[in-house]
Protein backbone atom coordinates (compact mmCIF):
# COMPACT_ATOMS: atom_id res chain seq x y z
CA MET A 1 0.00 0.00 0.00
CA ASN A 2 1.06 3.58 -0.56
CA TYR A 3 0.72 6.85 1.39
CA LEU A 4 -3.06 7.18 1.24
CA ALA A 5 -3.79 3.66 2.44
CA HIS A 6 -1.14 3.74 5.15
CA SER A 7 -2.53 7.04 6.44
CA PHE A 8 -6.13 5.83 6.32
CA LEU A 9 -5.32 2.59 8.12
CA SER A 10 -3.93 4.59 11.04
CA GLY A 11 -7.45 5.55 12.09
CA GLN A 12 -7.96 8.68 14.18
CA ASP A 13 -4.61 8.62 15.99
CA GLU A 14 -2.43 11.45 14.66
CA GLU A 15 0.87 10.13 16.00
CA LEU A 16 0.15 6.65 14.66
CA LEU A 17 -0.59 8.25 11.28
CA VAL A 18 2.67 10.22 11.32
CA GLY A 19 4.66 7.08 12.11
CA ASN A 20 2.87 5.13 9.41
CA PHE A 21 3.47 7.99 6.96
CA ILE A 22 7.23 8.32 7.60
CA ALA A 23 8.03 4.61 8.01
CA ASP A 24 9.67 4.07 4.61
CA SER A 25 12.25 6.69 5.62
CA VAL A 26 13.09 5.01 8.93
CA ARG A 27 15.62 2.18 8.77
CA GLY A 28 15.82 -0.90 10.95
CA SER A 29 15.54 -0.31 14.67
CA GLN A 30 15.69 3.48 14.31
CA PHE A 31 11.97 3.50 15.08
CA GLY A 32 13.06 3.33 18.74
CA LEU A 33 14.35 6.90 18.43
CA PHE A 34 10.80 8.24 18.01
CA PRO A 35 8.05 8.84 20.57
CA ARG A 36 6.13 5.67 21.47
CA LYS A 37 2.99 6.21 19.35
CA ILE A 38 5.00 7.30 16.31
CA ALA A 39 7.18 4.20 16.71
CA GLN A 40 3.98 2.12 16.84
CA GLY A 41 2.92 3.73 13.55
CA ILE A 42 6.24 2.76 11.97
CA ILE A 43 5.80 -0.82 13.18
CA LEU A 44 2.19 -0.86 11.92
CA HIS A 45 3.42 0.28 8.51
CA ARG A 46 5.85 -2.63 8.37
CA GLN A 47 3.11 -5.07 9.43
CA ILE A 48 0.82 -3.72 6.70
CA ASP A 49 3.59 -4.12 4.11
CA THR A 50 4.34 -7.70 5.22
CA PHE A 51 0.65 -8.67 5.14
CA THR A 52 0.16 -6.99 1.76
CA ASP A 53 3.22 -8.58 0.15
CA ALA A 54 2.14 -12.06 1.27
CA HIS A 55 -1.52 -11.77 0.28
CA PRO A 56 -2.43 -14.05 -2.67
CA VAL A 57 -4.66 -11.42 -4.32
CA VAL A 58 -1.86 -8.84 -4.27
CA GLN A 59 0.41 -11.53 -5.71
CA GLN A 60 -1.99 -11.78 -8.68
CA SER A 61 -1.68 -8.05 -9.34
CA LYS A 62 2.11 -8.18 -9.08
CA GLU A 63 2.39 -11.24 -11.32
CA ARG A 64 0.41 -9.46 -14.03
CA LEU A 65 2.79 -6.50 -13.74
CA ARG A 66 6.07 -8.42 -13.36
CA PRO A 67 6.78 -9.20 -17.07
CA ALA A 68 6.83 -5.50 -17.99
CA TYR A 69 8.00 -3.93 -14.72
CA ARG A 70 10.03 -6.65 -12.96
CA LYS A 71 11.09 -5.60 -9.47
CA TYR A 72 8.91 -2.48 -9.59
CA ALA A 73 5.69 -4.52 -9.85
CA GLY A 74 5.02 -4.18 -6.12
CA VAL A 75 5.50 -0.41 -6.13
CA ILE A 76 3.11 -0.07 -9.06
CA ALA A 77 0.50 -2.32 -7.44
CA ASP A 78 0.69 -0.18 -4.27
CA ILE A 79 -0.05 2.95 -6.28
CA TYR A 80 -2.90 1.27 -8.16
CA TYR A 81 -4.43 0.23 -4.86
CA ASP A 82 -4.17 3.79 -3.52
CA HIS A 83 -6.02 4.89 -6.65
CA PHE A 84 -8.86 2.49 -5.93
CA LEU A 85 -9.02 3.59 -2.30
CA ALA A 86 -9.13 7.23 -3.45
CA ILE A 87 -11.96 6.74 -5.95
CA ASN A 88 -13.95 4.69 -3.43
CA PHE A 89 -13.02 6.73 -0.37
CA ASP A 90 -16.63 7.47 0.54
CA ARG A 91 -17.19 3.70 0.98
CA TYR A 92 -14.61 3.64 3.76
CA SER A 93 -14.79 7.08 5.36
CA THR A 94 -17.39 9.60 6.44
CA VAL A 95 -14.88 12.36 5.63
CA GLY A 96 -14.48 13.35 1.98
CA LEU A 97 -11.17 12.63 0.28
CA GLY A 98 -10.27 16.32 -0.15
CA VAL A 99 -10.84 17.09 3.53
CA TYR A 100 -9.07 13.91 4.59
CA THR A 101 -5.95 14.55 2.52
CA GLN A 102 -5.64 18.06 3.98
CA GLN A 103 -5.94 16.55 7.48
CA VAL A 104 -3.08 14.16 6.66
CA TYR A 105 -0.86 16.97 5.41
CA ASP A 106 -1.66 19.08 8.48
CA SER A 107 -0.94 16.18 10.85
CA VAL A 108 2.42 15.43 9.28
CA GLN A 109 3.40 19.12 9.20
CA ARG A 110 2.59 19.48 12.92
CA HIS A 111 5.38 16.94 13.54
CA HIS A 112 7.91 18.60 11.23
CA ALA A 113 10.66 18.63 13.85
CA ILE A 114 10.84 14.82 14.01
CA LEU A 115 10.40 14.06 10.31
CA PRO A 116 13.26 12.24 8.60
CA ASP A 117 15.17 14.40 6.10
CA ARG A 118 13.78 12.47 3.14
CA VAL A 119 10.20 13.26 4.24
CA LYS A 120 11.08 16.92 4.86
CA TYR A 121 12.39 17.03 1.29
CA PHE A 122 9.41 15.52 -0.54
CA LEU A 123 6.53 16.70 1.69
CA PRO A 124 6.33 20.24 0.20
CA TYR A 125 6.10 18.74 -3.31
CA MET A 126 3.51 16.23 -2.16
CA ILE A 127 1.37 18.99 -0.67
CA GLU A 128 1.83 21.43 -3.56
CA GLN A 129 0.89 18.79 -6.13
CA ASN A 130 -1.65 17.18 -3.76
CA TRP A 131 -0.51 13.65 -4.48
CA LEU A 132 -3.01 12.02 -2.13
CA LEU A 133 -6.03 13.68 -3.74
CA ASN A 134 -4.65 13.20 -7.24
CA TYR A 135 -4.44 9.43 -6.74
CA ALA A 136 -8.16 9.58 -7.56
CA ASN A 137 -7.55 10.25 -11.26
CA LEU A 138 -5.52 8.41 -13.86
CA GLU A 139 -3.52 11.50 -14.79
CA GLY A 140 -2.44 11.81 -11.14
CA ILE A 141 -1.40 8.15 -11.21
CA ARG A 142 0.53 8.75 -14.43
CA ARG A 143 2.38 11.72 -12.88
CA SER A 144 3.26 9.71 -9.76
CA LEU A 145 4.55 6.76 -11.75
CA THR A 146 6.50 8.97 -14.15
CA GLY A 147 8.11 10.77 -11.22
CA LEU A 148 9.07 7.46 -9.64
CA SER A 149 10.46 6.23 -12.94
CA ARG A 150 12.78 9.24 -13.17
CA ARG A 151 14.17 8.48 -9.71
CA THR A 152 14.94 4.78 -10.23
CA ALA A 153 18.50 3.59 -10.61
CA PHE A 154 17.51 1.18 -13.38
CA ILE A 155 15.11 1.34 -16.32
CA SER A 156 11.71 0.72 -14.77
CA ASN A 157 9.18 1.58 -17.50
CA MET A 158 6.89 2.83 -14.70
CA GLU A 159 5.97 5.80 -16.88
CA THR A 160 3.87 3.35 -18.96
CA ALA A 161 2.11 1.72 -15.98
CA ALA A 162 -0.89 4.07 -16.12
CA ASP A 163 -1.65 2.60 -19.55
CA GLU A 164 -1.50 -0.89 -18.02
CA LEU A 165 -3.94 0.23 -15.35
CA ARG A 166 -6.33 1.61 -17.96
CA GLU A 167 -6.15 -1.59 -20.05
CA ASN A 168 -6.78 -3.97 -17.14
CA TYR A 169 -8.70 -1.63 -14.87
CA HIS A 170 -11.49 -4.06 -13.97
CA LEU A 171 -8.99 -6.78 -12.98
CA TYR A 172 -7.01 -4.54 -10.62
CA LEU A 173 -10.22 -3.04 -9.20
CA HIS A 174 -11.59 -6.51 -8.47
CA GLU A 175 -8.32 -7.49 -6.78
CA PHE A 176 -8.35 -4.34 -4.65
CA ASN A 177 -11.98 -4.89 -3.64
CA THR A 178 -11.15 -8.45 -2.63
CA PHE A 179 -7.95 -7.57 -0.77
CA PHE A 180 -8.69 -4.31 1.05
CA PRO A 181 -11.33 -5.67 3.48
CA ASP A 182 -8.82 -8.37 4.47
CA LEU A 183 -6.20 -5.71 5.12
CA MET A 184 -8.61 -3.61 7.17
CA ALA A 185 -9.49 -6.65 9.29
CA PHE A 186 -5.79 -7.43 9.77
CA VAL A 187 -5.05 -3.88 10.94
CA GLU A 188 -8.01 -3.96 13.32
CA GLU A 189 -6.62 -7.17 14.86
CA GLN A 190 -3.14 -5.64 15.17
CA GLN A 191 -4.59 -2.66 17.02
CA LYS A 192 -6.13 -4.99 19.63
CA LEU A 193 -2.76 -6.54 20.51
């Protein structure tokens, strides 16, 4: 899952959300350097990633992508799934997507002092271009994937992945709709522990 899903799965806890949001920029046991709830968000992010990567439905999406995008198949699937969450956000939340994305940006900015440098670098661009809201349209997905493609060390072809999404839209949507309730149930169980 990508930024929108990780944020959403944090529920109403701002510190948990911030930890979940910054987790990809925190290495190994460095999560212990953060306040307790933010560290829990980092751990939750890792649990979500592990569950997602092992889920058979997500494997189907990645296998369809692997011939053209090889090791970037998982990254692309994560962005596709954020797209489907964005376009169906009203099914999962009583808050509209536009309001919600602004709340996420505000929450992360309130914790600016503890953000890893990488997050401090990209957050202004994310907010200015409103990545989270723009996941709801294919052009936003295309821009995200093209930007990622420019930053890869190897040829990724991610700039063409929006076309793949358009061509097989119903397949990826079905996979998301099958997978996401399982992920939500998993997160709910993790929160009880």
